[in-house]
Amino acid sequence: MGEIEETMWVNHLLGLLPVKLAGQIIKLPGDKTTDYDFVMSKLLERFKLNVETLRTKFMNFERPLGTLWKELIFDLRTYLDGWLGSLEVKYFEELKDLMIADQLKKTRFPRDERNFFRL
């Protein structure tokens, strides 16, 4: 058996995608529907998770029944790396600031917030 030619990659990919998603790929400009790199970038764009979604998925993650620990760790790392990467957190101090800010968001403020923030 030989390898699949690069010009056929998108055709093989279309057969693996849900019908609705494959339909969106087919609607791309004619010359782009066979460009695997372009198609993949469009797919990744569509499924790119925003900062808040990644944070929520990480913070509220529950282990699905039957999931191996190694899969669980992979998923958690993916969400955490995505969350921190989206916010460009590179240093421990930035991580601490992020965690404190996140915790503050969960805190209920008194009715008169103006007085709460006065120094």
PDB file of N, CA and C in Angstrom:
ATOM      1  N   MET A   1       0.835  -1.193   0.000  1.00  0.00           N
ATOM      2  CA  MET A   1       0.000   0.000   0.000  1.00  0.00           C
ATOM      3  C   MET A   1       0.872   1.245   0.000  1.00  0.00           C
ATOM      4  N   GLY A   2       0.509   2.185  -0.813  1.00  0.00           N
ATOM      5  CA  GLY A   2       1.258   3.428  -0.871  1.00  0.00           C
ATOM      6  C   GLY A   2       0.652   4.484   0.033  1.00  0.00           C
ATOM      7  N   GLU A   3       1.373   5.557   0.152  1.00  0.00           N
ATOM      8  CA  GLU A   3       0.883   6.672   0.960  1.00  0.00           C
ATOM      9  C   GLU A   3      -0.158   7.458   0.174  1.00  0.00           C
ATOM     10  N   ILE A   4      -0.989   8.187   0.890  1.00  0.00           N
ATOM     11  CA  ILE A   4      -2.010   9.023   0.256  1.00  0.00           C
ATOM     12  C   ILE A   4      -1.344  10.307  -0.220  1.00  0.00           C
ATOM     13  N   GLU A   5      -1.632  10.673  -1.466  1.00  0.00           N
ATOM     14  CA  GLU A   5      -1.064  11.903  -2.010  1.00  0.00           C
ATOM     15  C   GLU A   5      -1.632  13.105  -1.266  1.00  0.00           C
ATOM     16  N   GLU A   6      -0.808  14.106  -1.109  1.00  0.00           N
ATOM     17  CA  GLU A   6      -1.204  15.302  -0.359  1.00  0.00           C
ATOM     18  C   GLU A   6      -2.449  15.956  -0.947  1.00  0.00           C
ATOM     19  N   THR A   7      -2.611  15.886  -2.249  1.00  0.00           N
ATOM     20  CA  THR A   7      -3.781  16.500  -2.889  1.00  0.00           C
ATOM     21  C   THR A   7      -5.081  15.789  -2.512  1.00  0.00           C
ATOM     22  N   MET A   8      -5.000  14.592  -1.953  1.00  0.00           N
ATOM     23  CA  MET A   8      -6.185  13.815  -1.572  1.00  0.00           C
ATOM     24  C   MET A   8      -6.475  13.883  -0.072  1.00  0.00           C
ATOM     25  N   TRP A   9      -5.636  14.545   0.688  1.00  0.00           N
ATOM     26  CA  TRP A   9      -5.802  14.590   2.144  1.00  0.00           C
ATOM     27  C   TRP A   9      -7.157  15.157   2.548  1.00  0.00           C
ATOM     28  N   VAL A  10      -7.559  16.266   1.920  1.00  0.00           N
ATOM     29  CA  VAL A  10      -8.829  16.902   2.288  1.00  0.00           C
ATOM     30  C   VAL A  10      -9.990  15.959   1.986  1.00  0.00           C
ATOM     31  N   ASN A  11      -9.944  15.264   0.841  1.00  0.00           N
ATOM     32  CA  ASN A  11     -11.014  14.319   0.505  1.00  0.00           C
ATOM     33  C   ASN A  11     -11.152  13.245   1.573  1.00  0.00           C
ATOM     34  N   HIS A  12     -10.044  12.739   2.053  1.00  0.00           N
ATOM     35  CA  HIS A  12     -10.083  11.719   3.104  1.00  0.00           C
ATOM     36  C   HIS A  12     -10.575  12.313   4.421  1.00  0.00           C
ATOM     37  N   LEU A  13     -10.191  13.534   4.692  1.00  0.00           N
ATOM     38  CA  LEU A  13     -10.625  14.211   5.912  1.00  0.00           C
ATOM     39  C   LEU A  13     -12.136  14.431   5.905  1.00  0.00           C
ATOM     40  N   LEU A  14     -12.682  14.825   4.760  1.00  0.00           N
ATOM     41  CA  LEU A  14     -14.122  15.084   4.654  1.00  0.00           C
ATOM     42  C   LEU A  14     -14.949  13.863   5.041  1.00  0.00           C
ATOM     43  N   GLY A  15     -14.453  12.690   4.703  1.00  0.00           N
ATOM     44  CA  GLY A  15     -15.163  11.461   5.039  1.00  0.00           C
ATOM     45  C   GLY A  15     -15.196  11.175   6.530  1.00  0.00           C
ATOM     46  N   LEU A  16     -14.324  11.807   7.290  1.00  0.00           N
ATOM     47  CA  LEU A  16     -14.250  11.576   8.733  1.00  0.00           C
ATOM     48  C   LEU A  16     -15.018  12.615   9.545  1.00  0.00           C
ATOM     49  N   LEU A  17     -15.385  13.719   8.897  1.00  0.00           N
ATOM     50  CA  LEU A  17     -16.045  14.824   9.604  1.00  0.00           C
ATOM     51  C   LEU A  17     -17.561  14.656   9.619  1.00  0.00           C
ATOM     52  N   PRO A  18     -18.218  15.245  10.627  1.00  0.00           N
ATOM     53  CA  PRO A  18     -19.688  15.273  10.611  1.00  0.00           C
ATOM     54  C   PRO A  18     -20.175  16.012   9.362  1.00  0.00           C
ATOM     55  N   VAL A  19     -21.356  15.642   8.872  1.00  0.00           N
ATOM     56  CA  VAL A  19     -21.886  16.190   7.618  1.00  0.00           C
ATOM     57  C   VAL A  19     -21.942  17.718   7.633  1.00  0.00           C
ATOM     58  N   LYS A  20     -22.405  18.300   8.730  1.00  0.00           N
ATOM     59  CA  LYS A  20     -22.532  19.760   8.816  1.00  0.00           C
ATOM     60  C   LYS A  20     -21.173  20.443   8.655  1.00  0.00           C
ATOM     61  N   LEU A  21     -20.160  19.889   9.288  1.00  0.00           N
ATOM     62  CA  LEU A  21     -18.817  20.465   9.217  1.00  0.00           C
ATOM     63  C   LEU A  21     -18.219  20.266   7.827  1.00  0.00           C
ATOM     64  N   ALA A  22     -18.414  19.093   7.248  1.00  0.00           N
ATOM     65  CA  ALA A  22     -17.921  18.830   5.891  1.00  0.00           C
ATOM     66  C   ALA A  22     -18.577  19.792   4.906  1.00  0.00           C
ATOM     67  N   GLY A  23     -19.862  20.092   5.120  1.00  0.00           N
ATOM     68  CA  GLY A  23     -20.569  21.037   4.256  1.00  0.00           C
ATOM     69  C   GLY A  23     -19.950  22.417   4.283  1.00  0.00           C
ATOM     70  N   GLN A  24     -19.470  22.833   5.438  1.00  0.00           N
ATOM     71  CA  GLN A  24     -18.821  24.143   5.546  1.00  0.00           C
ATOM     72  C   GLN A  24     -17.492  24.162   4.798  1.00  0.00           C
ATOM     73  N   ILE A  25     -16.801  23.043   4.798  1.00  0.00           N
ATOM     74  CA  ILE A  25     -15.519  22.970   4.079  1.00  0.00           C
ATOM     75  C   ILE A  25     -15.774  23.043   2.579  1.00  0.00           C
ATOM     76  N   ILE A  26     -16.817  22.372   2.145  1.00  0.00           N
ATOM     77  CA  ILE A  26     -17.137  22.354   0.719  1.00  0.00           C
ATOM     78  C   ILE A  26     -17.493  23.755   0.228  1.00  0.00           C
ATOM     79  N   LYS A  27     -18.018  24.607   1.095  1.00  0.00           N
ATOM     80  CA  LYS A  27     -18.405  25.975   0.728  1.00  0.00           C
ATOM     81  C   LYS A  27     -17.216  26.928   0.602  1.00  0.00           C
ATOM     82  N   LEU A  28     -16.022  26.476   0.980  1.00  0.00           N
ATOM     83  CA  LEU A  28     -14.832  27.325   0.852  1.00  0.00           C
ATOM     84  C   LEU A  28     -14.560  27.603  -0.621  1.00  0.00           C
ATOM     85  N   PRO A  29     -13.814  28.673  -0.931  1.00  0.00           N
ATOM     86  CA  PRO A  29     -13.479  28.953  -2.334  1.00  0.00           C
ATOM     87  C   PRO A  29     -12.863  27.725  -3.003  1.00  0.00           C
ATOM     88  N   GLY A  30     -13.211  27.509  -4.275  1.00  0.00           N
ATOM     89  CA  GLY A  30     -12.819  26.309  -5.019  1.00  0.00           C
ATOM     90  C   GLY A  30     -11.366  25.897  -4.907  1.00  0.00           C
ATOM     91  N   ASP A  31     -10.450  26.839  -5.054  1.00  0.00           N
ATOM     92  CA  ASP A  31      -9.029  26.494  -5.013  1.00  0.00           C
ATOM     93  C   ASP A  31      -8.551  26.153  -3.604  1.00  0.00           C
ATOM     94  N   LYS A  32      -9.327  26.525  -2.596  1.00  0.00           N
ATOM     95  CA  LYS A  32      -8.919  26.284  -1.205  1.00  0.00           C
ATOM     96  C   LYS A  32      -9.412  24.937  -0.670  1.00  0.00           C
ATOM     97  N   THR A  33     -10.389  24.323  -1.332  1.00  0.00           N
ATOM     98  CA  THR A  33     -10.963  23.082  -0.800  1.00  0.00           C
ATOM     99  C   THR A  33     -10.001  21.900  -0.877  1.00  0.00           C
ATOM    100  N   THR A  34      -8.948  22.018  -1.646  1.00  0.00           N
ATOM    101  CA  THR A  34      -7.960  20.935  -1.700  1.00  0.00           C
ATOM    102  C   THR A  34      -6.681  21.288  -0.944  1.00  0.00           C
ATOM    103  N   ASP A  35      -6.615  22.491  -0.409  1.00  0.00           N
ATOM    104  CA  ASP A  35      -5.441  22.945   0.347  1.00  0.00           C
ATOM    105  C   ASP A  35      -5.588  22.500   1.807  1.00  0.00           C
ATOM    106  N   TYR A  36      -4.936  21.397   2.138  1.00  0.00           N
ATOM    107  CA  TYR A  36      -5.080  20.783   3.462  1.00  0.00           C
ATOM    108  C   TYR A  36      -4.726  21.760   4.585  1.00  0.00           C
ATOM    109  N   ASP A  37      -3.630  22.488   4.452  1.00  0.00           N
ATOM    110  CA  ASP A  37      -3.214  23.423   5.503  1.00  0.00           C
ATOM    111  C   ASP A  37      -4.269  24.510   5.724  1.00  0.00           C
ATOM    112  N   PHE A  38      -4.831  25.020   4.637  1.00  0.00           N
ATOM    113  CA  PHE A  38      -5.872  26.048   4.743  1.00  0.00           C
ATOM    114  C   PHE A  38      -7.117  25.481   5.423  1.00  0.00           C
ATOM    115  N   VAL A  39      -7.536  24.295   4.998  1.00  0.00           N
ATOM    116  CA  VAL A  39      -8.724  23.654   5.576  1.00  0.00           C
ATOM    117  C   VAL A  39      -8.517  23.392   7.062  1.00  0.00           C
ATOM    118  N   MET A  40      -7.350  22.892   7.428  1.00  0.00           N
ATOM    119  CA  MET A  40      -7.079  22.614   8.844  1.00  0.00           C
ATOM    120  C   MET A  40      -7.069  23.899   9.661  1.00  0.00           C
ATOM    121  N   SER A  41      -6.518  24.973   9.107  1.00  0.00           N
ATOM    122  CA  SER A  41      -6.503  26.240   9.852  1.00  0.00           C
ATOM    123  C   SER A  41      -7.929  26.744  10.066  1.00  0.00           C
ATOM    124  N   LYS A  42      -8.805  26.555   9.086  1.00  0.00           N
ATOM    125  CA  LYS A  42     -10.210  26.962   9.230  1.00  0.00           C
ATOM    126  C   LYS A  42     -10.908  26.103  10.287  1.00  0.00           C
ATOM    127  N   LEU A  43     -10.621  24.809  10.300  1.00  0.00           N
ATOM    128  CA  LEU A  43     -11.214  23.925  11.309  1.00  0.00           C
ATOM    129  C   LEU A  43     -10.751  24.310  12.712  1.00  0.00           C
ATOM    130  N   LEU A  44      -9.462  24.560  12.855  1.00  0.00           N
ATOM    131  CA  LEU A  44      -8.927  24.933  14.165  1.00  0.00           C
ATOM    132  C   LEU A  44      -9.487  26.276  14.628  1.00  0.00           C
ATOM    133  N   GLU A  45      -9.648  27.206  13.691  1.00  0.00           N
ATOM    134  CA  GLU A  45     -10.240  28.508  14.009  1.00  0.00           C
ATOM    135  C   GLU A  45     -11.647  28.326  14.570  1.00  0.00           C
ATOM    136  N   ARG A  46     -12.382  27.433  13.932  1.00  0.00           N
ATOM    137  CA  ARG A  46     -13.776  27.194  14.331  1.00  0.00           C
ATOM    138  C   ARG A  46     -13.865  26.632  15.742  1.00  0.00           C
ATOM    139  N   PHE A  47     -12.918  25.782  16.115  1.00  0.00           N
ATOM    140  CA  PHE A  47     -12.990  25.122  17.408  1.00  0.00           C
ATOM    141  C   PHE A  47     -12.100  25.740  18.468  1.00  0.00           C
ATOM    142  N   LYS A  48     -11.459  26.857  18.138  1.00  0.00           N
ATOM    143  CA  LYS A  48     -10.593  27.501  19.115  1.00  0.00           C
ATOM    144  C   LYS A  48     -11.429  27.977  20.298  1.00  0.00           C
ATOM    145  N   LEU A  49     -11.002  27.601  21.461  1.00  0.00           N
ATOM    146  CA  LEU A  49     -11.731  27.961  22.666  1.00  0.00           C
ATOM    147  C   LEU A  49     -11.223  29.295  23.188  1.00  0.00           C
ATOM    148  N   ASN A  50     -12.120  30.111  23.694  1.00  0.00           N
ATOM    149  CA  ASN A  50     -11.690  31.397  24.231  1.00  0.00           C
ATOM    150  C   ASN A  50     -11.195  31.234  25.670  1.00  0.00           C
ATOM    151  N   VAL A  51     -10.648  32.288  26.212  1.00  0.00           N
ATOM    152  CA  VAL A  51     -10.028  32.265  27.540  1.00  0.00           C
ATOM    153  C   VAL A  51     -11.007  31.790  28.609  1.00  0.00           C
ATOM    154  N   GLU A  52     -12.207  32.338  28.602  1.00  0.00           N
ATOM    155  CA  GLU A  52     -13.184  31.992  29.641  1.00  0.00           C
ATOM    156  C   GLU A  52     -13.628  30.534  29.535  1.00  0.00           C
ATOM    157  N   THR A  53     -13.787  30.037  28.316  1.00  0.00           N
ATOM    158  CA  THR A  53     -14.177  28.639  28.128  1.00  0.00           C
ATOM    159  C   THR A  53     -13.094  27.709  28.647  1.00  0.00           C
ATOM    160  N   LEU A  54     -11.842  28.021  28.342  1.00  0.00           N
ATOM    161  CA  LEU A  54     -10.732  27.186  28.814  1.00  0.00           C
ATOM    162  C   LEU A  54     -10.648  27.197  30.338  1.00  0.00           C
ATOM    163  N   ARG A  55     -10.828  28.368  30.935  1.00  0.00           N
ATOM    164  CA  ARG A  55     -10.798  28.474  32.396  1.00  0.00           C
ATOM    165  C   ARG A  55     -11.912  27.639  33.008  1.00  0.00           C
ATOM    166  N   THR A  56     -13.097  27.767  32.458  1.00  0.00           N
ATOM    167  CA  THR A  56     -14.246  27.027  32.977  1.00  0.00           C
ATOM    168  C   THR A  56     -14.045  25.525  32.831  1.00  0.00           C
ATOM    169  N   LYS A  57     -13.554  25.100  31.674  1.00  0.00           N
ATOM    170  CA  LYS A  57     -13.323  23.665  31.465  1.00  0.00           C
ATOM    171  C   LYS A  57     -12.278  23.133  32.448  1.00  0.00           C
ATOM    172  N   PHE A  58     -11.251  23.931  32.728  1.00  0.00           N
ATOM    173  CA  PHE A  58     -10.223  23.498  33.675  1.00  0.00           C
ATOM    174  C   PHE A  58     -10.773  23.459  35.099  1.00  0.00           C
ATOM    175  N   MET A  59     -11.437  24.536  35.512  1.00  0.00           N
ATOM    176  CA  MET A  59     -11.908  24.645  36.897  1.00  0.00           C
ATOM    177  C   MET A  59     -13.032  23.667  37.221  1.00  0.00           C
ATOM    178  N   ASN A  60     -13.882  23.365  36.250  1.00  0.00           N
ATOM    179  CA  ASN A  60     -15.056  22.525  36.499  1.00  0.00           C
ATOM    180  C   ASN A  60     -14.908  21.108  35.959  1.00  0.00           C
ATOM    181  N   PHE A  61     -13.700  20.728  35.623  1.00  0.00           N
ATOM    182  CA  PHE A  61     -13.474  19.422  35.010  1.00  0.00           C
ATOM    183  C   PHE A  61     -13.828  18.296  35.976  1.00  0.00           C
ATOM    184  N   GLU A  62     -14.556  17.327  35.464  1.00  0.00           N
ATOM    185  CA  GLU A  62     -14.874  16.131  36.236  1.00  0.00           C
ATOM    186  C   GLU A  62     -14.424  14.924  35.434  1.00  0.00           C
ATOM    187  N   ARG A  63     -13.921  13.947  36.121  1.00  0.00           N
ATOM    188  CA  ARG A  63     -13.412  12.754  35.456  1.00  0.00           C
ATOM    189  C   ARG A  63     -14.572  11.923  34.913  1.00  0.00           C
ATOM    190  N   PRO A  64     -14.645  11.768  33.585  1.00  0.00           N
ATOM    191  CA  PRO A  64     -15.680  10.907  33.016  1.00  0.00           C
ATOM    192  C   PRO A  64     -15.429   9.448  33.414  1.00  0.00           C
ATOM    193  N   LEU A  65     -16.493   8.702  33.625  1.00  0.00           N
ATOM    194  CA  LEU A  65     -16.356   7.297  33.997  1.00  0.00           C
ATOM    195  C   LEU A  65     -15.557   6.547  32.942  1.00  0.00           C
ATOM    196  N   GLY A  66     -14.670   5.704  33.397  1.00  0.00           N
ATOM    197  CA  GLY A  66     -13.884   4.881  32.490  1.00  0.00           C
ATOM    198  C   GLY A  66     -12.683   5.570  31.876  1.00  0.00           C
ATOM    199  N   THR A  67     -12.467   6.821  32.218  1.00  0.00           N
ATOM    200  CA  THR A  67     -11.327   7.559  31.673  1.00  0.00           C
ATOM    201  C   THR A  67     -10.053   7.148  32.396  1.00  0.00           C
ATOM    202  N   LEU A  68      -9.016   6.907  31.628  1.00  0.00           N
ATOM    203  CA  LEU A  68      -7.723   6.584  32.226  1.00  0.00           C
ATOM    204  C   LEU A  68      -7.133   7.846  32.846  1.00  0.00           C
ATOM    205  N   TRP A  69      -6.344   7.660  33.903  1.00  0.00           N
ATOM    206  CA  TRP A  69      -5.722   8.809  34.569  1.00  0.00           C
ATOM    207  C   TRP A  69      -4.846   9.590  33.608  1.00  0.00           C
ATOM    208  N   LYS A  70      -4.164   8.888  32.723  1.00  0.00           N
ATOM    209  CA  LYS A  70      -3.272   9.584  31.794  1.00  0.00           C
ATOM    210  C   LYS A  70      -4.081  10.459  30.837  1.00  0.00           C
ATOM    211  N   GLU A  71      -5.282  10.016  30.439  1.00  0.00           N
ATOM    212  CA  GLU A  71      -6.153  10.836  29.594  1.00  0.00           C
ATOM    213  C   GLU A  71      -6.672  12.049  30.368  1.00  0.00           C
ATOM    214  N   LEU A  72      -7.003  11.824  31.627  1.00  0.00           N
ATOM    215  CA  LEU A  72      -7.480  12.898  32.497  1.00  0.00           C
ATOM    216  C   LEU A  72      -6.420  13.988  32.632  1.00  0.00           C
ATOM    217  N   ILE A  73      -5.202  13.581  32.895  1.00  0.00           N
ATOM    218  CA  ILE A  73      -4.095  14.538  33.046  1.00  0.00           C
ATOM    219  C   ILE A  73      -3.856  15.285  31.740  1.00  0.00           C
ATOM    220  N   PHE A  74      -3.928  14.573  30.615  1.00  0.00           N
ATOM    221  CA  PHE A  74      -3.740  15.212  29.312  1.00  0.00           C
ATOM    222  C   PHE A  74      -4.798  16.295  29.093  1.00  0.00           C
ATOM    223  N   ASP A  75      -6.068  15.974  29.364  1.00  0.00           N
ATOM    224  CA  ASP A  75      -7.147  16.949  29.181  1.00  0.00           C
ATOM    225  C   ASP A  75      -6.958  18.161  30.086  1.00  0.00           C
ATOM    226  N   LEU A  76      -6.647  17.917  31.354  1.00  0.00           N
ATOM    227  CA  LEU A  76      -6.445  19.027  32.293  1.00  0.00           C
ATOM    228  C   LEU A  76      -5.289  19.919  31.863  1.00  0.00           C
ATOM    229  N   ARG A  77      -4.194  19.301  31.444  1.00  0.00           N
ATOM    230  CA  ARG A  77      -3.041  20.099  30.985  1.00  0.00           C
ATOM    231  C   ARG A  77      -3.385  20.912  29.745  1.00  0.00           C
ATOM    232  N   THR A  78      -4.153  20.303  28.847  1.00  0.00           N
ATOM    233  CA  THR A  78      -4.552  21.003  27.625  1.00  0.00           C
ATOM    234  C   THR A  78      -5.360  22.249  27.966  1.00  0.00           C
ATOM    235  N   TYR A  79      -6.339  22.107  28.855  1.00  0.00           N
ATOM    236  CA  TYR A  79      -7.159  23.256  29.248  1.00  0.00           C
ATOM    237  C   TYR A  79      -6.324  24.309  29.980  1.00  0.00           C
ATOM    238  N   LEU A  80      -5.481  23.870  30.912  1.00  0.00           N
ATOM    239  CA  LEU A  80      -4.661  24.818  31.671  1.00  0.00           C
ATOM    240  C   LEU A  80      -3.665  25.529  30.762  1.00  0.00           C
ATOM    241  N   ASP A  81      -2.977  24.773  29.909  1.00  0.00           N
ATOM    242  CA  ASP A  81      -2.018  25.387  28.985  1.00  0.00           C
ATOM    243  C   ASP A  81      -2.710  26.378  28.053  1.00  0.00           C
ATOM    244  N   GLY A  82      -3.897  26.014  27.574  1.00  0.00           N
ATOM    245  CA  GLY A  82      -4.648  26.916  26.700  1.00  0.00           C
ATOM    246  C   GLY A  82      -5.060  28.185  27.417  1.00  0.00           C
ATOM    247  N   TRP A  83      -5.533  28.026  28.648  1.00  0.00           N
ATOM    248  CA  TRP A  83      -5.971  29.174  29.451  1.00  0.00           C
ATOM    249  C   TRP A  83      -4.803  30.110  29.724  1.00  0.00           C
ATOM    250  N   LEU A  84      -3.702  29.554  30.236  1.00  0.00           N
ATOM    251  CA  LEU A  84      -2.539  30.381  30.572  1.00  0.00           C
ATOM    252  C   LEU A  84      -1.884  30.950  29.322  1.00  0.00           C
ATOM    253  N   GLY A  85      -1.831  30.153  28.258  1.00  0.00           N
ATOM    254  CA  GLY A  85      -1.229  30.613  27.010  1.00  0.00           C
ATOM    255  C   GLY A  85      -2.014  31.756  26.383  1.00  0.00           C
ATOM    256  N   SER A  86      -3.347  31.667  26.454  1.00  0.00           N
ATOM    257  CA  SER A  86      -4.192  32.731  25.896  1.00  0.00           C
ATOM    258  C   SER A  86      -3.978  34.050  26.620  1.00  0.00           C
ATOM    259  N   LEU A  87      -3.677  33.967  27.902  1.00  0.00           N
ATOM    260  CA  LEU A  87      -3.449  35.176  28.698  1.00  0.00           C
ATOM    261  C   LEU A  87      -1.972  35.549  28.776  1.00  0.00           C
ATOM    262  N   GLU A  88      -1.146  34.785  28.076  1.00  0.00           N
ATOM    263  CA  GLU A  88       0.303  35.013  28.026  1.00  0.00           C
ATOM    264  C   GLU A  88       0.939  35.012  29.413  1.00  0.00           C
ATOM    265  N   VAL A  89       0.508  34.083  30.259  1.00  0.00           N
ATOM    266  CA  VAL A  89       1.092  33.925  31.596  1.00  0.00           C
ATOM    267  C   VAL A  89       2.375  33.118  31.441  1.00  0.00           C
ATOM    268  N   LYS A  90       3.503  33.730  31.822  1.00  0.00           N
ATOM    269  CA  LYS A  90       4.795  33.057  31.651  1.00  0.00           C
ATOM    270  C   LYS A  90       5.558  32.890  32.960  1.00  0.00           C
ATOM    271  N   TYR A  91       5.195  33.666  33.952  1.00  0.00           N
ATOM    272  CA  TYR A  91       5.946  33.642  35.204  1.00  0.00           C
ATOM    273  C   TYR A  91       5.034  33.308  36.378  1.00  0.00           C
ATOM    274  N   PHE A  92       5.632  32.797  37.427  1.00  0.00           N
ATOM    275  CA  PHE A  92       4.883  32.373  38.602  1.00  0.00           C
ATOM    276  C   PHE A  92       4.100  33.534  39.210  1.00  0.00           C
ATOM    277  N   GLU A  93       4.685  34.722  39.241  1.00  0.00           N
ATOM    278  CA  GLU A  93       3.996  35.894  39.794  1.00  0.00           C
ATOM    279  C   GLU A  93       2.729  36.197  38.992  1.00  0.00           C
ATOM    280  N   GLU A  94       2.818  36.079  37.673  1.00  0.00           N
ATOM    281  CA  GLU A  94       1.641  36.305  36.830  1.00  0.00           C
ATOM    282  C   GLU A  94       0.569  35.253  37.107  1.00  0.00           C
ATOM    283  N   LEU A  95       0.993  34.026  37.346  1.00  0.00           N
ATOM    284  CA  LEU A  95       0.055  32.955  37.675  1.00  0.00           C
ATOM    285  C   LEU A  95      -0.650  33.247  38.994  1.00  0.00           C
ATOM    286  N   LYS A  96       0.113  33.709  39.988  1.00  0.00           N
ATOM    287  CA  LYS A  96      -0.494  34.051  41.278  1.00  0.00           C
ATOM    288  C   LYS A  96      -1.505  35.182  41.114  1.00  0.00           C
ATOM    289  N   ASP A  97      -1.140  36.218  40.343  1.00  0.00           N
ATOM    290  CA  ASP A  97      -2.061  37.332  40.105  1.00  0.00           C
ATOM    291  C   ASP A  97      -3.348  36.847  39.435  1.00  0.00           C
ATOM    292  N   LEU A  98      -3.203  35.957  38.475  1.00  0.00           N
ATOM    293  CA  LEU A  98      -4.365  35.414  37.778  1.00  0.00           C
ATOM    294  C   LEU A  98      -5.265  34.631  38.729  1.00  0.00           C
ATOM    295  N   MET A  99      -4.657  33.811  39.574  1.00  0.00           N
ATOM    296  CA  MET A  99      -5.440  33.002  40.509  1.00  0.00           C
ATOM    297  C   MET A  99      -6.164  33.882  41.533  1.00  0.00           C
ATOM    298  N   ILE A 100      -5.505  34.930  41.992  1.00  0.00           N
ATOM    299  CA  ILE A 100      -6.134  35.849  42.948  1.00  0.00           C
ATOM    300  C   ILE A 100      -7.289  36.590  42.269  1.00  0.00           C
ATOM    301  N   ALA A 101      -7.060  37.070  41.054  1.00  0.00           N
ATOM    302  CA  ALA A 101      -8.124  37.765  40.318  1.00  0.00           C
ATOM    303  C   ALA A 101      -9.309  36.836  40.081  1.00  0.00           C
ATOM    304  N   ASP A 102      -9.023  35.598  39.738  1.00  0.00           N
ATOM    305  CA  ASP A 102     -10.086  34.627  39.508  1.00  0.00           C
ATOM    306  C   ASP A 102     -10.881  34.375  40.786  1.00  0.00           C
ATOM    307  N   GLN A 103     -10.186  34.299  41.897  1.00  0.00           N
ATOM    308  CA  GLN A 103     -10.851  34.076  43.185  1.00  0.00           C
ATOM    309  C   GLN A 103     -11.698  35.292  43.568  1.00  0.00           C
ATOM    310  N   LEU A 104     -11.190  36.495  43.287  1.00  0.00           N
ATOM    311  CA  LEU A 104     -11.953  37.714  43.576  1.00  0.00           C
ATOM    312  C   LEU A 104     -13.256  37.766  42.777  1.00  0.00           C
ATOM    313  N   LYS A 105     -13.218  37.266  41.544  1.00  0.00           N
ATOM    314  CA  LYS A 105     -14.427  37.252  40.722  1.00  0.00           C
ATOM    315  C   LYS A 105     -15.521  36.407  41.364  1.00  0.00           C
ATOM    316  N   LYS A 106     -15.133  35.400  42.110  1.00  0.00           N
ATOM    317  CA  LYS A 106     -16.100  34.503  42.749  1.00  0.00           C
ATOM    318  C   LYS A 106     -16.668  35.089  44.037  1.00  0.00           C
ATOM    319  N   THR A 107     -16.009  36.116  44.580  1.00  0.00           N
ATOM    320  CA  THR A 107     -16.416  36.713  45.847  1.00  0.00           C
ATOM    321  C   THR A 107     -17.648  37.582  45.647  1.00  0.00           C
ATOM    322  N   ARG A 108     -18.576  37.480  46.565  1.00  0.00           N
ATOM    323  CA  ARG A 108     -19.768  38.344  46.516  1.00  0.00           C
ATOM    324  C   ARG A 108     -19.434  39.648  47.212  1.00  0.00           C
ATOM    325  N   PHE A 109     -19.745  40.738  46.536  1.00  0.00           N
ATOM    326  CA  PHE A 109     -19.461  42.051  47.099  1.00  0.00           C
ATOM    327  C   PHE A 109     -20.661  42.549  47.900  1.00  0.00           C
ATOM    328  N   PRO A 110     -20.398  43.403  48.889  1.00  0.00           N
ATOM    329  CA  PRO A 110     -21.504  43.997  49.650  1.00  0.00           C
ATOM    330  C   PRO A 110     -22.397  44.831  48.732  1.00  0.00           C
ATOM    331  N   ARG A 111     -23.589  45.151  49.214  1.00  0.00           N
ATOM    332  CA  ARG A 111     -24.540  45.909  48.384  1.00  0.00           C
ATOM    333  C   ARG A 111     -23.959  47.220  47.882  1.00  0.00           C
ATOM    334  N   ASP A 112     -23.352  47.963  48.751  1.00  0.00           N
ATOM    335  CA  ASP A 112     -22.809  49.260  48.357  1.00  0.00           C
ATOM    336  C   ASP A 112     -21.338  49.086  47.991  1.00  0.00           C
ATOM    337  N   GLU A 113     -21.104  48.757  46.747  1.00  0.00           N
ATOM    338  CA  GLU A 113     -19.739  48.482  46.287  1.00  0.00           C
ATOM    339  C   GLU A 113     -18.854  49.720  46.333  1.00  0.00           C
ATOM    340  N   ARG A 114     -19.449  50.894  46.247  1.00  0.00           N
ATOM    341  CA  ARG A 114     -18.641  52.125  46.279  1.00  0.00           C
ATOM    342  C   ARG A 114     -17.869  52.214  47.591  1.00  0.00           C
ATOM    343  N   ASN A 115     -18.519  51.902  48.700  1.00  0.00           N
ATOM    344  CA  ASN A 115     -17.849  51.951  50.003  1.00  0.00           C
ATOM    345  C   ASN A 115     -16.834  50.829  50.152  1.00  0.00           C
ATOM    346  N   PHE A 116     -17.109  49.718  49.531  1.00  0.00           N
ATOM    347  CA  PHE A 116     -16.213  48.568  49.629  1.00  0.00           C
ATOM    348  C   PHE A 116     -14.842  48.877  49.027  1.00  0.00           C
ATOM    349  N   PHE A 117     -14.837  49.659  47.936  1.00  0.00           N
ATOM    350  CA  PHE A 117     -13.585  49.926  47.242  1.00  0.00           C
ATOM    351  C   PHE A 117     -12.874  51.184  47.709  1.00  0.00           C
ATOM    352  N   ARG A 118     -13.427  51.914  48.646  1.00  0.00           N
ATOM    353  CA  ARG A 118     -12.759  53.120  49.153  1.00  0.00           C
ATOM    354  C   ARG A 118     -11.580  52.736  50.025  1.00  0.00           C
ATOM    355  N   LEU A 119     -10.572  53.528  49.959  1.00  0.00           N
ATOM    356  CA  LEU A 119      -9.379  53.280  50.785  1.00  0.00           C
ATOM    357  C   LEU A 119      -9.329  54.226  51.946  1.00  0.00           C
TER     358      LEU A 119
END
